[in-house]
Amino acid sequence: MVSGCWITQADRVRWQQQAALTLAAILAGCDDLPLIARAGGTLAGHVAGAGAGNVFAAWHRVLAMGDVLGTPLSGGSRPRTRSSRGGVRVTLTATVPAGERNGVTS
């Protein structure tokens, strides 16, 4: 809860949009900083917590991402997938708790 109210999907979407706008503003004002990415743009997203497997699967599906690679963890797994959209490399990872599937059936 935030300020006595439940967090809505609209709140989460607004926070993600604000984060993207903040990043754009930082990058626009810092032309002299060394690059984080080696070549081209890179967008990375990470999902964690309860339901992470289903969230990962939903983003994987909507972004039409490639094969899913996995890394076993002592308490679950870490699926990873990559694709490219408009010349930007997109990487999606998740930390999926033990006993929960990553939701991707491809």
PDB file of N, CA and C in Angstrom:
ATOM      1  N   MET A   1       0.831  -1.179   0.000  1.00  0.00           N
ATOM      2  CA  MET A   1       0.000   0.000   0.000  1.00  0.00           C
ATOM      3  C   MET A   1       0.880   1.248   0.000  1.00  0.00           C
ATOM      4  N   VAL A   2       0.421   2.277  -0.672  1.00  0.00           N
ATOM      5  CA  VAL A   2       1.089   3.568  -0.696  1.00  0.00           C
ATOM      6  C   VAL A   2       0.102   4.598  -0.164  1.00  0.00           C
ATOM      7  N   SER A   3       0.468   5.306   0.890  1.00  0.00           N
ATOM      8  CA  SER A   3      -0.392   6.336   1.494  1.00  0.00           C
ATOM      9  C   SER A   3      -1.799   5.815   1.770  1.00  0.00           C
ATOM     10  N   GLY A   4      -1.900   4.590   2.285  1.00  0.00           N
ATOM     11  CA  GLY A   4      -3.193   4.036   2.637  1.00  0.00           C
ATOM     12  C   GLY A   4      -4.007   3.509   1.471  1.00  0.00           C
ATOM     13  N   CYS A   5      -3.468   3.532   0.248  1.00  0.00           N
ATOM     14  CA  CYS A   5      -4.183   3.045  -0.935  1.00  0.00           C
ATOM     15  C   CYS A   5      -3.425   1.881  -1.550  1.00  0.00           C
ATOM     16  N   TRP A   6      -4.145   1.057  -2.272  1.00  0.00           N
ATOM     17  CA  TRP A   6      -3.502  -0.044  -2.973  1.00  0.00           C
ATOM     18  C   TRP A   6      -2.775   0.484  -4.204  1.00  0.00           C
ATOM     19  N   ILE A   7      -1.655  -0.123  -4.535  1.00  0.00           N
ATOM     20  CA  ILE A   7      -0.912   0.243  -5.740  1.00  0.00           C
ATOM     21  C   ILE A   7      -1.632  -0.378  -6.925  1.00  0.00           C
ATOM     22  N   THR A   8      -1.943   0.426  -7.913  1.00  0.00           N
ATOM     23  CA  THR A   8      -2.664  -0.058  -9.082  1.00  0.00           C
ATOM     24  C   THR A   8      -1.709  -0.320 -10.241  1.00  0.00           C
ATOM     25  N   GLN A   9      -2.225  -0.996 -11.256  1.00  0.00           N
ATOM     26  CA  GLN A   9      -1.447  -1.213 -12.475  1.00  0.00           C
ATOM     27  C   GLN A   9      -1.094   0.129 -13.112  1.00  0.00           C
ATOM     28  N   ALA A  10      -2.018   1.081 -13.064  1.00  0.00           N
ATOM     29  CA  ALA A  10      -1.757   2.417 -13.610  1.00  0.00           C
ATOM     30  C   ALA A  10      -0.601   3.093 -12.877  1.00  0.00           C
ATOM     31  N   ASP A  11      -0.500   2.879 -11.555  1.00  0.00           N
ATOM     32  CA  ASP A  11       0.630   3.417 -10.789  1.00  0.00           C
ATOM     33  C   ASP A  11       1.939   2.835 -11.297  1.00  0.00           C
ATOM     34  N   ARG A  12       1.958   1.534 -11.479  1.00  0.00           N
ATOM     35  CA  ARG A  12       3.182   0.860 -11.932  1.00  0.00           C
ATOM     36  C   ARG A  12       3.584   1.335 -13.328  1.00  0.00           C
ATOM     37  N   VAL A  13       2.615   1.455 -14.217  1.00  0.00           N
ATOM     38  CA  VAL A  13       2.902   1.936 -15.576  1.00  0.00           C
ATOM     39  C   VAL A  13       3.456   3.355 -15.511  1.00  0.00           C
ATOM     40  N   ARG A  14       2.849   4.195 -14.709  1.00  0.00           N
ATOM     41  CA  ARG A  14       3.307   5.584 -14.569  1.00  0.00           C
ATOM     42  C   ARG A  14       4.738   5.630 -14.027  1.00  0.00           C
ATOM     43  N   TRP A  15       5.067   4.775 -13.052  1.00  0.00           N
ATOM     44  CA  TRP A  15       6.422   4.745 -12.501  1.00  0.00           C
ATOM     45  C   TRP A  15       7.434   4.317 -13.560  1.00  0.00           C
ATOM     46  N   GLN A  16       7.084   3.315 -14.383  1.00  0.00           N
ATOM     47  CA  GLN A  16       8.001   2.886 -15.441  1.00  0.00           C
ATOM     48  C   GLN A  16       8.192   3.994 -16.467  1.00  0.00           C
ATOM     49  N   GLN A  17       7.117   4.673 -16.828  1.00  0.00           N
ATOM     50  CA  GLN A  17       7.226   5.772 -17.786  1.00  0.00           C
ATOM     51  C   GLN A  17       8.080   6.898 -17.212  1.00  0.00           C
ATOM     52  N   GLN A  18       7.906   7.209 -15.934  1.00  0.00           N
ATOM     53  CA  GLN A  18       8.702   8.256 -15.293  1.00  0.00           C
ATOM     54  C   GLN A  18      10.176   7.856 -15.259  1.00  0.00           C
ATOM     55  N   ALA A  19      10.458   6.582 -14.994  1.00  0.00           N
ATOM     56  CA  ALA A  19      11.849   6.125 -14.994  1.00  0.00           C
ATOM     57  C   ALA A  19      12.471   6.286 -16.377  1.00  0.00           C
ATOM     58  N   ALA A  20      11.727   5.951 -17.421  1.00  0.00           N
ATOM     59  CA  ALA A  20      12.238   6.097 -18.789  1.00  0.00           C
ATOM     60  C   ALA A  20      12.481   7.565 -19.120  1.00  0.00           C
ATOM     61  N   LEU A  21      11.577   8.451 -18.733  1.00  0.00           N
ATOM     62  CA  LEU A  21      11.756   9.885 -18.974  1.00  0.00           C
ATOM     63  C   LEU A  21      12.955  10.431 -18.201  1.00  0.00           C
ATOM     64  N   THR A  22      13.135   9.959 -16.977  1.00  0.00           N
ATOM     65  CA  THR A  22      14.273  10.397 -16.172  1.00  0.00           C
ATOM     66  C   THR A  22      15.583   9.951 -16.807  1.00  0.00           C
ATOM     67  N   LEU A  23      15.637   8.709 -17.276  1.00  0.00           N
ATOM     68  CA  LEU A  23      16.839   8.231 -17.954  1.00  0.00           C
ATOM     69  C   LEU A  23      17.127   9.063 -19.201  1.00  0.00           C
ATOM     70  N   ALA A  24      16.100   9.352 -19.992  1.00  0.00           N
ATOM     71  CA  ALA A  24      16.284  10.172 -21.199  1.00  0.00           C
ATOM     72  C   ALA A  24      16.827  11.549 -20.828  1.00  0.00           C
ATOM     73  N   ALA A  25      16.322  12.147 -19.758  1.00  0.00           N
ATOM     74  CA  ALA A  25      16.798  13.465 -19.326  1.00  0.00           C
ATOM     75  C   ALA A  25      18.251  13.401 -18.865  1.00  0.00           C
ATOM     76  N   ILE A  26      18.604  12.352 -18.132  1.00  0.00           N
ATOM     77  CA  ILE A  26      19.991  12.185 -17.684  1.00  0.00           C
ATOM     78  C   ILE A  26      20.921  12.064 -18.886  1.00  0.00           C
ATOM     79  N   LEU A  27      20.564  11.214 -19.835  1.00  0.00           N
ATOM     80  CA  LEU A  27      21.403  11.005 -21.015  1.00  0.00           C
ATOM     81  C   LEU A  27      21.504  12.270 -21.865  1.00  0.00           C
ATOM     82  N   ALA A  28      20.434  13.032 -21.963  1.00  0.00           N
ATOM     83  CA  ALA A  28      20.442  14.256 -22.765  1.00  0.00           C
ATOM     84  C   ALA A  28      21.385  15.305 -22.175  1.00  0.00           C
ATOM     85  N   GLY A  29      21.580  15.272 -20.878  1.00  0.00           N
ATOM     86  CA  GLY A  29      22.422  16.267 -20.233  1.00  0.00           C
ATOM     87  C   GLY A  29      23.826  15.816 -19.921  1.00  0.00           C
ATOM     88  N   CYS A  30      24.199  14.630 -20.363  1.00  0.00           N
ATOM     89  CA  CYS A  30      25.501  14.073 -19.992  1.00  0.00           C
ATOM     90  C   CYS A  30      26.263  13.529 -21.192  1.00  0.00           C
ATOM     91  N   ASP A  31      26.378  14.330 -22.245  1.00  0.00           N
ATOM     92  CA  ASP A  31      27.053  13.872 -23.459  1.00  0.00           C
ATOM     93  C   ASP A  31      28.512  13.501 -23.236  1.00  0.00           C
ATOM     94  N   ASP A  32      29.140  14.044 -22.201  1.00  0.00           N
ATOM     95  CA  ASP A  32      30.567  13.803 -21.985  1.00  0.00           C
ATOM     96  C   ASP A  32      30.857  12.572 -21.117  1.00  0.00           C
ATOM     97  N   LEU A  33      29.836  11.908 -20.604  1.00  0.00           N
ATOM     98  CA  LEU A  33      30.066  10.702 -19.796  1.00  0.00           C
ATOM     99  C   LEU A  33      30.497   9.540 -20.678  1.00  0.00           C
ATOM    100  N   PRO A  34      31.352   8.653 -20.156  1.00  0.00           N
ATOM    101  CA  PRO A  34      31.693   7.451 -20.920  1.00  0.00           C
ATOM    102  C   PRO A  34      30.452   6.581 -21.085  1.00  0.00           C
ATOM    103  N   LEU A  35      30.392   5.861 -22.192  1.00  0.00           N
ATOM    104  CA  LEU A  35      29.241   5.011 -22.479  1.00  0.00           C
ATOM    105  C   LEU A  35      29.201   3.796 -21.568  1.00  0.00           C
ATOM    106  N   ILE A  36      27.995   3.390 -21.212  1.00  0.00           N
ATOM    107  CA  ILE A  36      27.808   2.150 -20.461  1.00  0.00           C
ATOM    108  C   ILE A  36      27.764   0.976 -21.443  1.00  0.00           C
ATOM    109  N   ALA A  37      27.027   1.155 -22.530  1.00  0.00           N
ATOM    110  CA  ALA A  37      26.907   0.107 -23.555  1.00  0.00           C
ATOM    111  C   ALA A  37      28.084   0.210 -24.520  1.00  0.00           C
ATOM    112  N   ARG A  38      28.567  -0.924 -25.001  1.00  0.00           N
ATOM    113  CA  ARG A  38      29.700  -0.939 -25.925  1.00  0.00           C
ATOM    114  C   ARG A  38      29.352  -0.351 -27.283  1.00  0.00           C
ATOM    115  N   ALA A  39      28.265  -0.810 -27.865  1.00  0.00           N
ATOM    116  CA  ALA A  39      27.895  -0.334 -29.196  1.00  0.00           C
ATOM    117  C   ALA A  39      26.384  -0.339 -29.317  1.00  0.00           C
ATOM    118  N   GLY A  40      25.831   0.756 -29.758  1.00  0.00           N
ATOM    119  CA  GLY A  40      24.386   0.827 -29.910  1.00  0.00           C
ATOM    120  C   GLY A  40      23.689   0.925 -28.574  1.00  0.00           C
ATOM    121  N   GLY A  41      22.387   0.974 -28.637  1.00  0.00           N
ATOM    122  CA  GLY A  41      21.609   1.085 -27.415  1.00  0.00           C
ATOM    123  C   GLY A  41      21.260  -0.271 -26.846  1.00  0.00           C
ATOM    124  N   THR A  42      21.115  -0.321 -25.549  1.00  0.00           N
ATOM    125  CA  THR A  42      20.735  -1.541 -24.868  1.00  0.00           C
ATOM    126  C   THR A  42      19.673  -1.213 -23.833  1.00  0.00           C
ATOM    127  N   LEU A  43      18.648  -2.019 -23.779  1.00  0.00           N
ATOM    128  CA  LEU A  43      17.595  -1.881 -22.784  1.00  0.00           C
ATOM    129  C   LEU A  43      17.519  -3.202 -22.034  1.00  0.00           C
ATOM    130  N   ALA A  44      17.623  -3.143 -20.710  1.00  0.00           N
ATOM    131  CA  ALA A  44      17.587  -4.359 -19.909  1.00  0.00           C
ATOM    132  C   ALA A  44      16.469  -4.258 -18.882  1.00  0.00           C
ATOM    133  N   GLY A  45      15.752  -5.358 -18.720  1.00  0.00           N
ATOM    134  CA  GLY A  45      14.711  -5.426 -17.716  1.00  0.00           C
ATOM    135  C   GLY A  45      14.896  -6.673 -16.878  1.00  0.00           C
ATOM    136  N   HIS A  46      14.601  -6.564 -15.591  1.00  0.00           N
ATOM    137  CA  HIS A  46      14.713  -7.715 -14.690  1.00  0.00           C
ATOM    138  C   HIS A  46      13.440  -7.808 -13.856  1.00  0.00           C
ATOM    139  N   VAL A  47      12.916  -9.016 -13.755  1.00  0.00           N
ATOM    140  CA  VAL A  47      11.701  -9.286 -12.989  1.00  0.00           C
ATOM    141  C   VAL A  47      12.080 -10.168 -11.801  1.00  0.00           C
ATOM    142  N   ALA A  48      11.547  -9.867 -10.630  1.00  0.00           N
ATOM    143  CA  ALA A  48      11.818 -10.680  -9.442  1.00  0.00           C
ATOM    144  C   ALA A  48      10.572 -10.717  -8.573  1.00  0.00           C
ATOM    145  N   GLY A  49      10.556 -11.675  -7.658  1.00  0.00           N
ATOM    146  CA  GLY A  49       9.458 -11.762  -6.699  1.00  0.00           C
ATOM    147  C   GLY A  49       8.405 -12.772  -7.123  1.00  0.00           C
ATOM    148  N   ALA A  50       7.368 -12.855  -6.300  1.00  0.00           N
ATOM    149  CA  ALA A  50       6.279 -13.793  -6.568  1.00  0.00           C
ATOM    150  C   ALA A  50       5.659 -13.484  -7.923  1.00  0.00           C
ATOM    151  N   GLY A  51       5.430 -14.510  -8.702  1.00  0.00           N
ATOM    152  CA  GLY A  51       4.830 -14.335 -10.019  1.00  0.00           C
ATOM    153  C   GLY A  51       5.811 -13.910 -11.097  1.00  0.00           C
ATOM    154  N   ALA A  52       7.101 -13.884 -10.780  1.00  0.00           N
ATOM    155  CA  ALA A  52       8.114 -13.434 -11.744  1.00  0.00           C
ATOM    156  C   ALA A  52       8.091 -14.262 -13.022  1.00  0.00           C
ATOM    157  N   GLY A  53       7.823 -15.552 -12.904  1.00  0.00           N
ATOM    158  CA  GLY A  53       7.784 -16.410 -14.090  1.00  0.00           C
ATOM    159  C   GLY A  53       6.694 -15.996 -15.057  1.00  0.00           C
ATOM    160  N   ASN A  54       5.525 -15.674 -14.534  1.00  0.00           N
ATOM    161  CA  ASN A  54       4.420 -15.241 -15.395  1.00  0.00           C
ATOM    162  C   ASN A  54       4.675 -13.868 -16.004  1.00  0.00           C
ATOM    163  N   VAL A  55       5.275 -12.962 -15.237  1.00  0.00           N
ATOM    164  CA  VAL A  55       5.596 -11.629 -15.756  1.00  0.00           C
ATOM    165  C   VAL A  55       6.646 -11.756 -16.865  1.00  0.00           C
ATOM    166  N   PHE A  56       7.671 -12.578 -16.616  1.00  0.00           N
ATOM    167  CA  PHE A  56       8.708 -12.819 -17.628  1.00  0.00           C
ATOM    168  C   PHE A  56       8.069 -13.362 -18.904  1.00  0.00           C
ATOM    169  N   ALA A  57       7.187 -14.337 -18.764  1.00  0.00           N
ATOM    170  CA  ALA A  57       6.531 -14.951 -19.927  1.00  0.00           C
ATOM    171  C   ALA A  57       5.696 -13.929 -20.699  1.00  0.00           C
ATOM    172  N   ALA A  58       4.993 -13.059 -19.993  1.00  0.00           N
ATOM    173  CA  ALA A  58       4.159 -12.049 -20.654  1.00  0.00           C
ATOM    174  C   ALA A  58       5.013 -11.094 -21.481  1.00  0.00           C
ATOM    175  N   TRP A  59       6.109 -10.597 -20.922  1.00  0.00           N
ATOM    176  CA  TRP A  59       6.999  -9.695 -21.657  1.00  0.00           C
ATOM    177  C   TRP A  59       7.672 -10.427 -22.816  1.00  0.00           C
ATOM    178  N   HIS A  60       8.084 -11.657 -22.592  1.00  0.00           N
ATOM    179  CA  HIS A  60       8.705 -12.473 -23.644  1.00  0.00           C
ATOM    180  C   HIS A  60       7.763 -12.590 -24.832  1.00  0.00           C
ATOM    181  N   ARG A  61       6.507 -12.850 -24.554  1.00  0.00           N
ATOM    182  CA  ARG A  61       5.492 -13.020 -25.595  1.00  0.00           C
ATOM    183  C   ARG A  61       5.225 -11.706 -26.334  1.00  0.00           C
ATOM    184  N   VAL A  62       4.975 -10.633 -25.597  1.00  0.00           N
ATOM    185  CA  VAL A  62       4.632  -9.348 -26.205  1.00  0.00           C
ATOM    186  C   VAL A  62       5.785  -8.803 -27.045  1.00  0.00           C
ATOM    187  N   LEU A  63       7.015  -8.974 -26.592  1.00  0.00           N
ATOM    188  CA  LEU A  63       8.173  -8.469 -27.322  1.00  0.00           C
ATOM    189  C   LEU A  63       8.677  -9.457 -28.375  1.00  0.00           C
ATOM    190  N   ALA A  64       8.007 -10.609 -28.504  1.00  0.00           N
ATOM    191  CA  ALA A  64       8.401 -11.641 -29.473  1.00  0.00           C
ATOM    192  C   ALA A  64       9.898 -11.916 -29.379  1.00  0.00           C
ATOM    193  N   MET A  65      10.355 -12.206 -28.166  1.00  0.00           N
ATOM    194  CA  MET A  65      11.771 -12.418 -27.922  1.00  0.00           C
ATOM    195  C   MET A  65      12.178 -13.822 -28.333  1.00  0.00           C
ATOM    196  N   GLY A  66      13.480 -14.057 -28.376  1.00  0.00           N
ATOM    197  CA  GLY A  66      14.040 -15.321 -28.850  1.00  0.00           C
ATOM    198  C   GLY A  66      14.024 -16.413 -27.809  1.00  0.00           C
ATOM    199  N   ASP A  67      14.909 -17.385 -28.024  1.00  0.00           N
ATOM    200  CA  ASP A  67      15.021 -18.531 -27.126  1.00  0.00           C
ATOM    201  C   ASP A  67      15.330 -18.084 -25.699  1.00  0.00           C
ATOM    202  N   VAL A  68      14.861 -18.872 -24.757  1.00  0.00           N
ATOM    203  CA  VAL A  68      15.105 -18.590 -23.349  1.00  0.00           C
ATOM    204  C   VAL A  68      16.238 -19.485 -22.871  1.00  0.00           C
ATOM    205  N   LEU A  69      17.269 -18.860 -22.323  1.00  0.00           N
ATOM    206  CA  LEU A  69      18.367 -19.578 -21.692  1.00  0.00           C
ATOM    207  C   LEU A  69      18.134 -19.510 -20.194  1.00  0.00           C
ATOM    208  N   GLY A  70      18.572 -20.517 -19.482  1.00  0.00           N
ATOM    209  CA  GLY A  70      18.341 -20.519 -18.050  1.00  0.00           C
ATOM    210  C   GLY A  70      19.588 -20.811 -17.256  1.00  0.00           C
ATOM    211  N   THR A  71      19.659 -20.240 -16.066  1.00  0.00           N
ATOM    212  CA  THR A  71      20.731 -20.507 -15.127  1.00  0.00           C
ATOM    213  C   THR A  71      20.085 -20.983 -13.840  1.00  0.00           C
ATOM    214  N   PRO A  72      20.420 -22.208 -13.399  1.00  0.00           N
ATOM    215  CA  PRO A  72      19.843 -22.677 -12.135  1.00  0.00           C
ATOM    216  C   PRO A  72      20.411 -21.869 -10.958  1.00  0.00           C
ATOM    217  N   LEU A  73      19.563 -21.573 -10.004  1.00  0.00           N
ATOM    218  CA  LEU A  73      19.979 -20.926  -8.765  1.00  0.00           C
ATOM    219  C   LEU A  73      19.613 -21.850  -7.618  1.00  0.00           C
ATOM    220  N   SER A  74      20.266 -21.684  -6.473  1.00  0.00           N
ATOM    221  CA  SER A  74      19.958 -22.561  -5.338  1.00  0.00           C
ATOM    222  C   SER A  74      18.504 -22.418  -4.909  1.00  0.00           C
ATOM    223  N   GLY A  75      17.918 -21.240  -5.080  1.00  0.00           N
ATOM    224  CA  GLY A  75      16.538 -21.043  -4.674  1.00  0.00           C
ATOM    225  C   GLY A  75      15.592 -20.851  -5.842  1.00  0.00           C
ATOM    226  N   GLY A  76      15.946 -21.344  -7.041  1.00  0.00           N
ATOM    227  CA  GLY A  76      15.065 -21.172  -8.192  1.00  0.00           C
ATOM    228  C   GLY A  76      15.841 -21.172  -9.490  1.00  0.00           C
ATOM    229  N   SER A  77      15.510 -20.238 -10.378  1.00  0.00           N
ATOM    230  CA  SER A  77      16.201 -20.171 -11.665  1.00  0.00           C
ATOM    231  C   SER A  77      16.268 -18.725 -12.143  1.00  0.00           C
ATOM    232  N   ARG A  78      17.107 -18.497 -13.145  1.00  0.00           N
ATOM    233  CA  ARG A  78      17.241 -17.170 -13.735  1.00  0.00           C
ATOM    234  C   ARG A  78      17.140 -17.288 -15.256  1.00  0.00           C
ATOM    235  N   PRO A  79      15.913 -17.249 -15.813  1.00  0.00           N
ATOM    236  CA  PRO A  79      15.764 -17.277 -17.263  1.00  0.00           C
ATOM    237  C   PRO A  79      16.243 -15.955 -17.876  1.00  0.00           C
ATOM    238  N   ARG A  80      16.733 -16.036 -19.125  1.00  0.00           N
ATOM    239  CA  ARG A  80      17.233 -14.859 -19.832  1.00  0.00           C
ATOM    240  C   ARG A  80      16.894 -14.990 -21.309  1.00  0.00           C
ATOM    241  N   THR A  81      16.525 -13.897 -21.931  1.00  0.00           N
ATOM    242  CA  THR A  81      16.253 -13.889 -23.358  1.00  0.00           C
ATOM    243  C   THR A  81      16.684 -12.546 -23.931  1.00  0.00           C
ATOM    244  N   ARG A  82      16.974 -12.547 -25.238  1.00  0.00           N
ATOM    245  CA  ARG A  82      17.417 -11.314 -25.903  1.00  0.00           C
ATOM    246  C   ARG A  82      16.726 -11.166 -27.239  1.00  0.00           C
ATOM    247  N   SER A  83      16.603  -9.926 -27.680  1.00  0.00           N
ATOM    248  CA  SER A  83      16.110  -9.638 -29.022  1.00  0.00           C
ATOM    249  C   SER A  83      16.586  -8.247 -29.396  1.00  0.00           C
ATOM    250  N   SER A  84      16.162  -7.799 -30.545  1.00  0.00           N
ATOM    251  CA  SER A  84      16.500  -6.453 -31.002  1.00  0.00           C
ATOM    252  C   SER A  84      15.237  -5.789 -31.523  1.00  0.00           C
ATOM    253  N   ARG A  85      15.045  -4.527 -31.150  1.00  0.00           N
ATOM    254  CA  ARG A  85      13.881  -3.764 -31.606  1.00  0.00           C
ATOM    255  C   ARG A  85      14.360  -2.390 -32.025  1.00  0.00           C
ATOM    256  N   GLY A  86      14.197  -2.075 -33.292  1.00  0.00           N
ATOM    257  CA  GLY A  86      14.588  -0.766 -33.786  1.00  0.00           C
ATOM    258  C   GLY A  86      16.054  -0.456 -33.580  1.00  0.00           C
ATOM    259  N   GLY A  87      16.910  -1.449 -33.688  1.00  0.00           N
ATOM    260  CA  GLY A  87      18.342  -1.244 -33.496  1.00  0.00           C
ATOM    261  C   GLY A  87      18.784  -1.212 -32.052  1.00  0.00           C
ATOM    262  N   VAL A  88      17.868  -1.442 -31.123  1.00  0.00           N
ATOM    263  CA  VAL A  88      18.193  -1.465 -29.697  1.00  0.00           C
ATOM    264  C   VAL A  88      18.165  -2.906 -29.218  1.00  0.00           C
ATOM    265  N   ARG A  89      19.242  -3.331 -28.590  1.00  0.00           N
ATOM    266  CA  ARG A  89      19.294  -4.673 -28.011  1.00  0.00           C
ATOM    267  C   ARG A  89      18.456  -4.686 -26.733  1.00  0.00           C
ATOM    268  N   VAL A  90      17.560  -5.666 -26.625  1.00  0.00           N
ATOM    269  CA  VAL A  90      16.683  -5.788 -25.458  1.00  0.00           C
ATOM    270  C   VAL A  90      17.003  -7.110 -24.764  1.00  0.00           C
ATOM    271  N   THR A  91      17.306  -7.038 -23.481  1.00  0.00           N
ATOM    272  CA  THR A  91      17.587  -8.222 -22.679  1.00  0.00           C
ATOM    273  C   THR A  91      16.604  -8.268 -21.531  1.00  0.00           C
ATOM    274  N   LEU A  92      15.999  -9.423 -21.324  1.00  0.00           N
ATOM    275  CA  LEU A  92      15.045  -9.618 -20.237  1.00  0.00           C
ATOM    276  C   LEU A  92      15.510 -10.783 -19.385  1.00  0.00           C
ATOM    277  N   THR A  93      15.611 -10.570 -18.081  1.00  0.00           N
ATOM    278  CA  THR A  93      15.975 -11.633 -17.146  1.00  0.00           C
ATOM    279  C   THR A  93      14.949 -11.660 -16.016  1.00  0.00           C
ATOM    280  N   ALA A  94      14.967 -12.746 -15.286  1.00  0.00           N
ATOM    281  CA  ALA A  94      14.081 -12.872 -14.126  1.00  0.00           C
ATOM    282  C   ALA A  94      14.762 -13.709 -13.066  1.00  0.00           C
ATOM    283  N   THR A  95      14.369 -13.513 -11.841  1.00  0.00           N
ATOM    284  CA  THR A  95      14.741 -14.404 -10.750  1.00  0.00           C
ATOM    285  C   THR A  95      13.445 -15.084 -10.335  1.00  0.00           C
ATOM    286  N   VAL A  96      13.328 -16.365 -10.700  1.00  0.00           N
ATOM    287  CA  VAL A  96      12.101 -17.114 -10.472  1.00  0.00           C
ATOM    288  C   VAL A  96      12.308 -18.021  -9.260  1.00  0.00           C
ATOM    289  N   PRO A  97      11.470 -17.873  -8.231  1.00  0.00           N
ATOM    290  CA  PRO A  97      11.610 -18.694  -7.029  1.00  0.00           C
ATOM    291  C   PRO A  97      11.461 -20.191  -7.327  1.00  0.00           C
ATOM    292  N   ALA A  98      12.085 -21.014  -6.495  1.00  0.00           N
ATOM    293  CA  ALA A  98      11.982 -22.466  -6.633  1.00  0.00           C
ATOM    294  C   ALA A  98      10.515 -22.879  -6.625  1.00  0.00           C
ATOM    295  N   GLY A  99      10.175 -23.826  -7.470  1.00  0.00           N
ATOM    296  CA  GLY A  99       8.816 -24.325  -7.545  1.00  0.00           C
ATOM    297  C   GLY A  99       7.922 -23.543  -8.479  1.00  0.00           C
ATOM    298  N   GLU A 100       8.408 -22.421  -8.984  1.00  0.00           N
ATOM    299  CA  GLU A 100       7.623 -21.625  -9.923  1.00  0.00           C
ATOM    300  C   GLU A 100       8.264 -21.753 -11.301  1.00  0.00           C
ATOM    301  N   ARG A 101       7.444 -21.954 -12.313  1.00  0.00           N
ATOM    302  CA  ARG A 101       7.962 -22.064 -13.677  1.00  0.00           C
ATOM    303  C   ARG A 101       8.147 -20.680 -14.276  1.00  0.00           C
ATOM    304  N   ASN A 102       9.024 -20.602 -15.309  1.00  0.00           N
ATOM    305  CA  ASN A 102       9.224 -19.292 -15.926  1.00  0.00           C
ATOM    306  C   ASN A 102       8.097 -18.936 -16.879  1.00  0.00           C
ATOM    307  N   GLY A 103       7.165 -19.853 -17.114  1.00  0.00           N
ATOM    308  CA  GLY A 103       5.987 -19.549 -17.904  1.00  0.00           C
ATOM    309  C   GLY A 103       6.178 -19.577 -19.398  1.00  0.00           C
ATOM    310  N   VAL A 104       7.402 -19.696 -19.886  1.00  0.00           N
ATOM    311  CA  VAL A 104       7.674 -19.695 -21.321  1.00  0.00           C
ATOM    312  C   VAL A 104       7.704 -21.134 -21.801  1.00  0.00           C
ATOM    313  N   THR A 105       6.912 -21.409 -22.833  1.00  0.00           N
ATOM    314  CA  THR A 105       6.826 -22.789 -23.340  1.00  0.00           C
ATOM    315  C   THR A 105       7.505 -22.952 -24.684  1.00  0.00           C
ATOM    316  N   SER A 106       8.210 -21.898 -25.182  1.00  0.00           N
ATOM    317  CA  SER A 106       8.851 -22.017 -26.504  1.00  0.00           C
ATOM    318  C   SER A 106      10.123 -22.830 -26.420  1.00  0.00           C
TER     319      SER A 106
END
